[in-house]
Amino acid sequence: MLCSGGRAFPAAPSLPGEAFSFLFCALQINCVTFPHPDTMPEQQLLKPTEWSYCDYFWADKKDPQGNGTVAGFELLLQKQLKGKQMQKEMSEFIRER
């Protein structure tokens, strides 16, 4: 599949018909479709000069063991996995009662 710039995107699905022409400049990675940066400008922040609550979670944090920094995404992922594990243990505990 070719984008308007002539670049090929092998991971993009080949869809017949003009109805799907908007997908021509997309890249698919792990079943997620990303528009090509040349075809879609980066989304602007609603309040770019103000601090966001999300900034706290996405910012890199100091590693508790002092081994540099840990990515904010990794921290969120670890918390989610810990929450899933806790939910699983609680459901097993309730099932046993």
PDB file of N, CA and C in Angstrom:
ATOM      1  N   MET A   1       0.838  -1.167   0.000  1.00  0.00           N
ATOM      2  CA  MET A   1       0.000   0.000   0.000  1.00  0.00           C
ATOM      3  C   MET A   1       0.888   1.236   0.000  1.00  0.00           C
ATOM      4  N   LEU A   2       0.564   2.207  -0.825  1.00  0.00           N
ATOM      5  CA  LEU A   2       1.372   3.417  -0.928  1.00  0.00           C
ATOM      6  C   LEU A   2       0.640   4.599  -0.329  1.00  0.00           C
ATOM      7  N   CYS A   3       1.388   5.403   0.401  1.00  0.00           N
ATOM      8  CA  CYS A   3       0.857   6.642   0.953  1.00  0.00           C
ATOM      9  C   CYS A   3       1.025   7.738  -0.084  1.00  0.00           C
ATOM     10  N   SER A   4       0.466   8.911   0.175  1.00  0.00           N
ATOM     11  CA  SER A   4       0.547   9.999  -0.798  1.00  0.00           C
ATOM     12  C   SER A   4       1.985  10.398  -1.085  1.00  0.00           C
ATOM     13  N   GLY A   5       2.896  10.184  -0.145  1.00  0.00           N
ATOM     14  CA  GLY A   5       4.300  10.510  -0.358  1.00  0.00           C
ATOM     15  C   GLY A   5       5.043   9.438  -1.123  1.00  0.00           C
ATOM     16  N   GLY A   6       4.369   8.352  -1.515  1.00  0.00           N
ATOM     17  CA  GLY A   6       5.003   7.296  -2.272  1.00  0.00           C
ATOM     18  C   GLY A   6       5.656   6.239  -1.398  1.00  0.00           C
ATOM     19  N   ARG A   7       5.495   6.341  -0.085  1.00  0.00           N
ATOM     20  CA  ARG A   7       6.093   5.355   0.812  1.00  0.00           C
ATOM     21  C   ARG A   7       5.150   4.163   0.962  1.00  0.00           C
ATOM     22  N   ALA A   8       5.719   2.992   1.031  1.00  0.00           N
ATOM     23  CA  ALA A   8       4.915   1.786   1.189  1.00  0.00           C
ATOM     24  C   ALA A   8       4.796   1.437   2.662  1.00  0.00           C
ATOM     25  N   PHE A   9       3.621   0.985   3.048  1.00  0.00           N
ATOM     26  CA  PHE A   9       3.367   0.537   4.404  1.00  0.00           C
ATOM     27  C   PHE A   9       2.907  -0.911   4.335  1.00  0.00           C
ATOM     28  N   PRO A  10       3.815  -1.874   4.460  1.00  0.00           N
ATOM     29  CA  PRO A  10       3.432  -3.273   4.298  1.00  0.00           C
ATOM     30  C   PRO A  10       2.491  -3.773   5.377  1.00  0.00           C
ATOM     31  N   ALA A  11       2.505  -3.173   6.576  1.00  0.00           N
ATOM     32  CA  ALA A  11       1.648  -3.660   7.648  1.00  0.00           C
ATOM     33  C   ALA A  11       0.227  -3.140   7.529  1.00  0.00           C
ATOM     34  N   ALA A  12      -0.014  -2.141   6.681  1.00  0.00           N
ATOM     35  CA  ALA A  12      -1.348  -1.582   6.527  1.00  0.00           C
ATOM     36  C   ALA A  12      -2.228  -2.577   5.782  1.00  0.00           C
ATOM     37  N   PRO A  13      -3.476  -2.719   6.210  1.00  0.00           N
ATOM     38  CA  PRO A  13      -4.355  -3.684   5.550  1.00  0.00           C
ATOM     39  C   PRO A  13      -4.721  -3.220   4.151  1.00  0.00           C
ATOM     40  N   SER A  14      -4.858  -4.167   3.233  1.00  0.00           N
ATOM     41  CA  SER A  14      -5.274  -3.815   1.874  1.00  0.00           C
ATOM     42  C   SER A  14      -6.791  -3.950   1.818  1.00  0.00           C
ATOM     43  N   LEU A  15      -7.467  -2.827   1.681  1.00  0.00           N
ATOM     44  CA  LEU A  15      -8.919  -2.811   1.683  1.00  0.00           C
ATOM     45  C   LEU A  15      -9.418  -2.365   0.314  1.00  0.00           C
ATOM     46  N   PRO A  16     -10.377  -3.087  -0.264  1.00  0.00           N
ATOM     47  CA  PRO A  16     -10.893  -2.700  -1.574  1.00  0.00           C
ATOM     48  C   PRO A  16     -11.859  -1.529  -1.450  1.00  0.00           C
ATOM     49  N   GLY A  17     -11.961  -0.763  -2.526  1.00  0.00           N
ATOM     50  CA  GLY A  17     -12.963   0.296  -2.595  1.00  0.00           C
ATOM     51  C   GLY A  17     -12.461   1.649  -2.159  1.00  0.00           C
ATOM     52  N   GLU A  18     -13.179   2.663  -2.618  1.00  0.00           N
ATOM     53  CA  GLU A  18     -12.830   4.042  -2.293  1.00  0.00           C
ATOM     54  C   GLU A  18     -13.256   4.407  -0.878  1.00  0.00           C
ATOM     55  N   ALA A  19     -14.173   3.654  -0.282  1.00  0.00           N
ATOM     56  CA  ALA A  19     -14.670   3.987   1.053  1.00  0.00           C
ATOM     57  C   ALA A  19     -13.573   3.927   2.102  1.00  0.00           C
ATOM     58  N   PHE A  20     -12.531   3.181   1.835  1.00  0.00           N
ATOM     59  CA  PHE A  20     -11.466   3.027   2.810  1.00  0.00           C
ATOM     60  C   PHE A  20     -10.215   3.808   2.425  1.00  0.00           C
ATOM     61  N   SER A  21     -10.357   4.805   1.585  1.00  0.00           N
ATOM     62  CA  SER A  21      -9.190   5.563   1.135  1.00  0.00           C
ATOM     63  C   SER A  21      -8.532   6.330   2.270  1.00  0.00           C
ATOM     64  N   PHE A  22      -9.280   6.602   3.355  1.00  0.00           N
ATOM     65  CA  PHE A  22      -8.694   7.314   4.477  1.00  0.00           C
ATOM     66  C   PHE A  22      -7.643   6.476   5.198  1.00  0.00           C
ATOM     67  N   LEU A  23      -7.612   5.183   4.969  1.00  0.00           N
ATOM     68  CA  LEU A  23      -6.629   4.315   5.619  1.00  0.00           C
ATOM     69  C   LEU A  23      -5.325   4.205   4.834  1.00  0.00           C
ATOM     70  N   PHE A  24      -5.243   4.839   3.679  1.00  0.00           N
ATOM     71  CA  PHE A  24      -4.055   4.691   2.846  1.00  0.00           C
ATOM     72  C   PHE A  24      -2.788   5.171   3.526  1.00  0.00           C
ATOM     73  N   CYS A  25      -2.881   6.119   4.390  1.00  0.00           N
ATOM     74  CA  CYS A  25      -1.686   6.675   5.024  1.00  0.00           C
ATOM     75  C   CYS A  25      -1.621   6.267   6.483  1.00  0.00           C
ATOM     76  N   ALA A  26      -1.896   5.013   6.758  1.00  0.00           N
ATOM     77  CA  ALA A  26      -1.893   4.515   8.128  1.00  0.00           C
ATOM     78  C   ALA A  26      -0.892   3.381   8.258  1.00  0.00           C
ATOM     79  N   LEU A  27      -0.396   3.213   9.447  1.00  0.00           N
ATOM     80  CA  LEU A  27       0.534   2.144   9.770  1.00  0.00           C
ATOM     81  C   LEU A  27      -0.075   1.332  10.893  1.00  0.00           C
ATOM     82  N   GLN A  28      -0.081   0.015  10.749  1.00  0.00           N
ATOM     83  CA  GLN A  28      -0.682  -0.824  11.766  1.00  0.00           C
ATOM     84  C   GLN A  28       0.410  -1.593  12.494  1.00  0.00           C
ATOM     85  N   ILE A  29       0.453  -1.428  13.813  1.00  0.00           N
ATOM     86  CA  ILE A  29       1.411  -2.121  14.669  1.00  0.00           C
ATOM     87  C   ILE A  29       0.628  -2.764  15.797  1.00  0.00           C
ATOM     88  N   ASN A  30       0.767  -4.069  15.969  1.00  0.00           N
ATOM     89  CA  ASN A  30       0.070  -4.805  17.024  1.00  0.00           C
ATOM     90  C   ASN A  30      -1.427  -4.508  17.028  1.00  0.00           C
ATOM     91  N   CYS A  31      -2.035  -4.536  15.869  1.00  0.00           N
ATOM     92  CA  CYS A  31      -3.470  -4.323  15.674  1.00  0.00           C
ATOM     93  C   CYS A  31      -3.927  -2.917  16.055  1.00  0.00           C
ATOM     94  N   VAL A  32      -3.016  -1.963  16.164  1.00  0.00           N
ATOM     95  CA  VAL A  32      -3.358  -0.562  16.415  1.00  0.00           C
ATOM     96  C   VAL A  32      -2.949   0.231  15.187  1.00  0.00           C
ATOM     97  N   THR A  33      -3.861   1.025  14.652  1.00  0.00           N
ATOM     98  CA  THR A  33      -3.584   1.802  13.451  1.00  0.00           C
ATOM     99  C   THR A  33      -3.136   3.202  13.832  1.00  0.00           C
ATOM    100  N   PHE A  34      -1.973   3.593  13.325  1.00  0.00           N
ATOM    101  CA  PHE A  34      -1.415   4.914  13.568  1.00  0.00           C
ATOM    102  C   PHE A  34      -1.381   5.680  12.257  1.00  0.00           C
ATOM    103  N   PRO A  35      -1.850   6.931  12.246  1.00  0.00           N
ATOM    104  CA  PRO A  35      -1.732   7.721  11.019  1.00  0.00           C
ATOM    105  C   PRO A  35      -0.282   8.113  10.786  1.00  0.00           C
ATOM    106  N   HIS A  36       0.081   8.256   9.523  1.00  0.00           N
ATOM    107  CA  HIS A  36       1.440   8.678   9.202  1.00  0.00           C
ATOM    108  C   HIS A  36       1.597  10.137   9.625  1.00  0.00           C
ATOM    109  N   PRO A  37       2.732  10.507  10.239  1.00  0.00           N
ATOM    110  CA  PRO A  37       2.914  11.885  10.723  1.00  0.00           C
ATOM    111  C   PRO A  37       2.764  12.951   9.642  1.00  0.00           C
ATOM    112  N   ASP A  38       3.049  12.605   8.376  1.00  0.00           N
ATOM    113  CA  ASP A  38       2.926  13.584   7.297  1.00  0.00           C
ATOM    114  C   ASP A  38       1.471  13.905   6.961  1.00  0.00           C
ATOM    115  N   THR A  39       0.559  12.983   7.271  1.00  0.00           N
ATOM    116  CA  THR A  39      -0.834  13.170   6.889  1.00  0.00           C
ATOM    117  C   THR A  39      -1.689  13.742   8.004  1.00  0.00           C
ATOM    118  N   MET A  40      -1.210  13.672   9.244  1.00  0.00           N
ATOM    119  CA  MET A  40      -2.012  14.157  10.370  1.00  0.00           C
ATOM    120  C   MET A  40      -1.102  14.887  11.345  1.00  0.00           C
ATOM    121  N   PRO A  41      -1.385  16.146  11.638  1.00  0.00           N
ATOM    122  CA  PRO A  41      -0.532  16.868  12.585  1.00  0.00           C
ATOM    123  C   PRO A  41      -0.687  16.310  13.997  1.00  0.00           C
ATOM    124  N   GLU A  42       0.321  16.547  14.812  1.00  0.00           N
ATOM    125  CA  GLU A  42       0.279  16.078  16.195  1.00  0.00           C
ATOM    126  C   GLU A  42      -0.854  16.777  16.934  1.00  0.00           C
ATOM    127  N   GLN A  43      -1.539  16.029  17.785  1.00  0.00           N
ATOM    128  CA  GLN A  43      -2.653  16.600  18.527  1.00  0.00           C
ATOM    129  C   GLN A  43      -2.143  17.653  19.506  1.00  0.00           C
ATOM    130  N   GLN A  44      -2.793  18.797  19.511  1.00  0.00           N
ATOM    131  CA  GLN A  44      -2.396  19.883  20.394  1.00  0.00           C
ATOM    132  C   GLN A  44      -3.018  19.688  21.773  1.00  0.00           C
ATOM    133  N   LEU A  45      -2.303  20.097  22.800  1.00  0.00           N
ATOM    134  CA  LEU A  45      -2.828  20.034  24.155  1.00  0.00           C
ATOM    135  C   LEU A  45      -3.890  21.109  24.343  1.00  0.00           C
ATOM    136  N   LEU A  46      -4.877  20.820  25.199  1.00  0.00           N
ATOM    137  CA  LEU A  46      -5.922  21.802  25.443  1.00  0.00           C
ATOM    138  C   LEU A  46      -5.376  23.027  26.173  1.00  0.00           C
ATOM    139  N   LYS A  47      -4.524  22.799  27.163  1.00  0.00           N
ATOM    140  CA  LYS A  47      -3.918  23.891  27.929  1.00  0.00           C
ATOM    141  C   LYS A  47      -2.415  23.634  28.002  1.00  0.00           C
ATOM    142  N   PRO A  48      -1.669  23.964  26.966  1.00  0.00           N
ATOM    143  CA  PRO A  48      -0.245  23.598  26.915  1.00  0.00           C
ATOM    144  C   PRO A  48       0.620  24.262  27.980  1.00  0.00           C
ATOM    145  N   THR A  49       0.193  25.395  28.522  1.00  0.00           N
ATOM    146  CA  THR A  49       1.026  26.085  29.512  1.00  0.00           C
ATOM    147  C   THR A  49       0.729  25.648  30.938  1.00  0.00           C
ATOM    148  N   GLU A  50      -0.335  24.870  31.141  1.00  0.00           N
ATOM    149  CA  GLU A  50      -0.704  24.449  32.493  1.00  0.00           C
ATOM    150  C   GLU A  50      -0.261  23.018  32.753  1.00  0.00           C
ATOM    151  N   TRP A  51       0.080  22.751  34.012  1.00  0.00           N
ATOM    152  CA  TRP A  51       0.479  21.413  34.429  1.00  0.00           C
ATOM    153  C   TRP A  51      -0.741  20.510  34.426  1.00  0.00           C
ATOM    154  N   SER A  52      -0.585  19.303  33.950  1.00  0.00           N
ATOM    155  CA  SER A  52      -1.680  18.349  33.877  1.00  0.00           C
ATOM    156  C   SER A  52      -1.497  17.266  34.934  1.00  0.00           C
ATOM    157  N   TYR A  53      -2.603  16.745  35.423  1.00  0.00           N
ATOM    158  CA  TYR A  53      -2.564  15.650  36.385  1.00  0.00           C
ATOM    159  C   TYR A  53      -1.876  14.434  35.767  1.00  0.00           C
ATOM    160  N   CYS A  54      -2.045  14.240  34.449  1.00  0.00           N
ATOM    161  CA  CYS A  54      -1.409  13.116  33.757  1.00  0.00           C
ATOM    162  C   CYS A  54       0.111  13.253  33.738  1.00  0.00           C
ATOM    163  N   ASP A  55       0.617  14.480  33.771  1.00  0.00           N
ATOM    164  CA  ASP A  55       2.067  14.686  33.759  1.00  0.00           C
ATOM    165  C   ASP A  55       2.737  13.977  34.929  1.00  0.00           C
ATOM    166  N   TYR A  56       2.058  13.960  36.071  1.00  0.00           N
ATOM    167  CA  TYR A  56       2.621  13.304  37.248  1.00  0.00           C
ATOM    168  C   TYR A  56       2.832  11.818  36.990  1.00  0.00           C
ATOM    169  N   PHE A  57       1.862  11.174  36.362  1.00  0.00           N
ATOM    170  CA  PHE A  57       1.944   9.734  36.149  1.00  0.00           C
ATOM    171  C   PHE A  57       2.844   9.362  34.983  1.00  0.00           C
ATOM    172  N   TRP A  58       2.882  10.181  33.929  1.00  0.00           N
ATOM    173  CA  TRP A  58       3.664   9.836  32.751  1.00  0.00           C
ATOM    174  C   TRP A  58       5.126  10.210  32.879  1.00  0.00           C
ATOM    175  N   ALA A  59       5.454  11.099  33.812  1.00  0.00           N
ATOM    176  CA  ALA A  59       6.849  11.524  33.964  1.00  0.00           C
ATOM    177  C   ALA A  59       7.691  10.376  34.510  1.00  0.00           C
ATOM    178  N   ASP A  60       8.957  10.343  34.120  1.00  0.00           N
ATOM    179  CA  ASP A  60       9.867   9.327  34.635  1.00  0.00           C
ATOM    180  C   ASP A  60      10.120   9.576  36.117  1.00  0.00           C
ATOM    181  N   LYS A  61      10.224   8.487  36.885  1.00  0.00           N
ATOM    182  CA  LYS A  61      10.423   8.577  38.329  1.00  0.00           C
ATOM    183  C   LYS A  61      11.785   8.002  38.693  1.00  0.00           C
ATOM    184  N   LYS A  62      12.311   8.431  39.813  1.00  0.00           N
ATOM    185  CA  LYS A  62      13.558   7.874  40.335  1.00  0.00           C
ATOM    186  C   LYS A  62      13.303   6.447  40.790  1.00  0.00           C
ATOM    187  N   ASP A  63      14.222   5.565  40.474  1.00  0.00           N
ATOM    188  CA  ASP A  63      14.129   4.176  40.895  1.00  0.00           C
ATOM    189  C   ASP A  63      14.367   4.101  42.403  1.00  0.00           C
ATOM    190  N   PRO A  64      13.515   3.385  43.168  1.00  0.00           N
ATOM    191  CA  PRO A  64      13.706   3.293  44.621  1.00  0.00           C
ATOM    192  C   PRO A  64      15.061   2.707  45.022  1.00  0.00           C
ATOM    193  N   GLN A  65      15.622   1.824  44.200  1.00  0.00           N
ATOM    194  CA  GLN A  65      16.929   1.248  44.512  1.00  0.00           C
ATOM    195  C   GLN A  65      18.069   2.164  44.085  1.00  0.00           C
ATOM    196  N   GLY A  66      17.761   3.284  43.473  1.00  0.00           N
ATOM    197  CA  GLY A  66      18.793   4.227  43.059  1.00  0.00           C
ATOM    198  C   GLY A  66      19.475   3.870  41.753  1.00  0.00           C
ATOM    199  N   ASN A  67      18.822   3.080  40.910  1.00  0.00           N
ATOM    200  CA  ASN A  67      19.410   2.666  39.629  1.00  0.00           C
ATOM    201  C   ASN A  67      18.957   3.561  38.483  1.00  0.00           C
ATOM    202  N   GLY A  68      18.888   4.850  38.677  1.00  0.00           N
ATOM    203  CA  GLY A  68      18.471   5.745  37.598  1.00  0.00           C
ATOM    204  C   GLY A  68      16.994   6.049  37.673  1.00  0.00           C
ATOM    205  N   THR A  69      16.323   6.022  36.513  1.00  0.00           N
ATOM    206  CA  THR A  69      14.898   6.352  36.462  1.00  0.00           C
ATOM    207  C   THR A  69      14.094   5.212  35.859  1.00  0.00           C
ATOM    208  N   VAL A  70      12.811   5.215  36.158  1.00  0.00           N
ATOM    209  CA  VAL A  70      11.866   4.246  35.614  1.00  0.00           C
ATOM    210  C   VAL A  70      10.836   5.037  34.823  1.00  0.00           C
ATOM    211  N   ALA A  71      10.495   4.557  33.638  1.00  0.00           N
ATOM    212  CA  ALA A  71       9.516   5.247  32.793  1.00  0.00           C
ATOM    213  C   ALA A  71       8.160   5.279  33.484  1.00  0.00           C
ATOM    214  N   GLY A  72       7.446   6.393  33.330  1.00  0.00           N
ATOM    215  CA  GLY A  72       6.125   6.530  33.933  1.00  0.00           C
ATOM    216  C   GLY A  72       5.168   5.457  33.451  1.00  0.00           C
ATOM    217  N   PHE A  73       5.283   5.067  32.175  1.00  0.00           N
ATOM    218  CA  PHE A  73       4.419   4.015  31.647  1.00  0.00           C
ATOM    219  C   PHE A  73       4.669   2.696  32.369  1.00  0.00           C
ATOM    220  N   GLU A  74       5.942   2.399  32.655  1.00  0.00           N
ATOM    221  CA  GLU A  74       6.271   1.158  33.367  1.00  0.00           C
ATOM    222  C   GLU A  74       5.639   1.146  34.752  1.00  0.00           C
ATOM    223  N   LEU A  75       5.664   2.293  35.435  1.00  0.00           N
ATOM    224  CA  LEU A  75       5.046   2.371  36.760  1.00  0.00           C
ATOM    225  C   LEU A  75       3.546   2.119  36.678  1.00  0.00           C
ATOM    226  N   LEU A  76       2.891   2.738  35.688  1.00  0.00           N
ATOM    227  CA  LEU A  76       1.456   2.523  35.528  1.00  0.00           C
ATOM    228  C   LEU A  76       1.147   1.068  35.209  1.00  0.00           C
ATOM    229  N   LEU A  77       1.975   0.455  34.361  1.00  0.00           N
ATOM    230  CA  LEU A  77       1.774  -0.947  34.004  1.00  0.00           C
ATOM    231  C   LEU A  77       1.950  -1.846  35.225  1.00  0.00           C
ATOM    232  N   GLN A  78       2.982  -1.582  36.035  1.00  0.00           N
ATOM    233  CA  GLN A  78       3.208  -2.376  37.248  1.00  0.00           C
ATOM    234  C   GLN A  78       2.036  -2.252  38.216  1.00  0.00           C
ATOM    235  N   LYS A  79       1.501  -1.028  38.364  1.00  0.00           N
ATOM    236  CA  LYS A  79       0.362  -0.833  39.262  1.00  0.00           C
ATOM    237  C   LYS A  79      -0.866  -1.566  38.746  1.00  0.00           C
ATOM    238  N   GLN A  80      -1.071  -1.551  37.430  1.00  0.00           N
ATOM    239  CA  GLN A  80      -2.216  -2.252  36.868  1.00  0.00           C
ATOM    240  C   GLN A  80      -2.084  -3.757  37.095  1.00  0.00           C
ATOM    241  N   LEU A  81      -0.894  -4.304  36.851  1.00  0.00           N
ATOM    242  CA  LEU A  81      -0.681  -5.739  37.047  1.00  0.00           C
ATOM    243  C   LEU A  81      -0.828  -6.119  38.514  1.00  0.00           C
ATOM    244  N   LYS A  82      -0.349  -5.259  39.404  1.00  0.00           N
ATOM    245  CA  LYS A  82      -0.485  -5.515  40.842  1.00  0.00           C
ATOM    246  C   LYS A  82      -1.962  -5.510  41.232  1.00  0.00           C
ATOM    247  N   GLY A  83      -2.730  -4.575  40.675  1.00  0.00           N
ATOM    248  CA  GLY A  83      -4.166  -4.516  40.943  1.00  0.00           C
ATOM    249  C   GLY A  83      -4.893  -5.744  40.430  1.00  0.00           C
ATOM    250  N   LYS A  84      -4.509  -6.215  39.248  1.00  0.00           N
ATOM    251  CA  LYS A  84      -5.122  -7.432  38.701  1.00  0.00           C
ATOM    252  C   LYS A  84      -4.834  -8.628  39.602  1.00  0.00           C
ATOM    253  N   GLN A  85      -3.585  -8.734  40.065  1.00  0.00           N
ATOM    254  CA  GLN A  85      -3.203  -9.846  40.932  1.00  0.00           C
ATOM    255  C   GLN A  85      -3.984  -9.787  42.243  1.00  0.00           C
ATOM    256  N   MET A  86      -4.122  -8.580  42.801  1.00  0.00           N
ATOM    257  CA  MET A  86      -4.856  -8.428  44.056  1.00  0.00           C
ATOM    258  C   MET A  86      -6.321  -8.792  43.864  1.00  0.00           C
ATOM    259  N   GLN A  87      -6.907  -8.394  42.739  1.00  0.00           N
ATOM    260  CA  GLN A  87      -8.298  -8.727  42.458  1.00  0.00           C
ATOM    261  C   GLN A  87      -8.469 -10.238  42.332  1.00  0.00           C
ATOM    262  N   LYS A  88      -7.506 -10.887  41.695  1.00  0.00           N
ATOM    263  CA  LYS A  88      -7.552 -12.339  41.533  1.00  0.00           C
ATOM    264  C   LYS A  88      -7.484 -13.036  42.891  1.00  0.00           C
ATOM    265  N   GLU A  89      -6.568 -12.572  43.754  1.00  0.00           N
ATOM    266  CA  GLU A  89      -6.433 -13.168  45.081  1.00  0.00           C
ATOM    267  C   GLU A  89      -7.686 -12.947  45.919  1.00  0.00           C
ATOM    268  N   MET A  90      -8.286 -11.763  45.815  1.00  0.00           N
ATOM    269  CA  MET A  90      -9.503 -11.485  46.578  1.00  0.00           C
ATOM    270  C   MET A  90     -10.655 -12.359  46.105  1.00  0.00           C
ATOM    271  N   SER A  91     -10.781 -12.561  44.802  1.00  0.00           N
ATOM    272  CA  SER A  91     -11.871 -13.400  44.299  1.00  0.00           C
ATOM    273  C   SER A  91     -11.682 -14.851  44.728  1.00  0.00           C
ATOM    274  N   GLU A  92     -10.435 -15.324  44.756  1.00  0.00           N
ATOM    275  CA  GLU A  92     -10.174 -16.685  45.231  1.00  0.00           C
ATOM    276  C   GLU A  92     -10.502 -16.810  46.714  1.00  0.00           C
ATOM    277  N   PHE A  93     -10.158 -15.787  47.492  1.00  0.00           N
ATOM    278  CA  PHE A  93     -10.437 -15.799  48.927  1.00  0.00           C
ATOM    279  C   PHE A  93     -11.939 -15.845  49.183  1.00  0.00           C
ATOM    280  N   ILE A  94     -12.689 -15.027  48.445  1.00  0.00           N
ATOM    281  CA  ILE A  94     -14.141 -14.990  48.621  1.00  0.00           C
ATOM    282  C   ILE A  94     -14.762 -16.298  48.158  1.00  0.00           C
ATOM    283  N   ARG A  95     -14.246 -16.876  47.096  1.00  0.00           N
ATOM    284  CA  ARG A  95     -14.761 -18.145  46.591  1.00  0.00           C
ATOM    285  C   ARG A  95     -14.557 -19.257  47.618  1.00  0.00           C
ATOM    286  N   GLU A  96     -13.434 -19.225  48.338  1.00  0.00           N
ATOM    287  CA  GLU A  96     -13.146 -20.256  49.340  1.00  0.00           C
ATOM    288  C   GLU A  96     -14.073 -20.153  50.544  1.00  0.00           C
ATOM    289  N   ARG A  97     -14.541 -18.955  50.846  1.00  0.00           N
ATOM    290  CA  ARG A  97     -15.422 -18.767  52.001  1.00  0.00           C
ATOM    291  C   ARG A  97     -16.768 -19.249  51.618  1.00  0.00           C
TER     292      ARG A  97
END
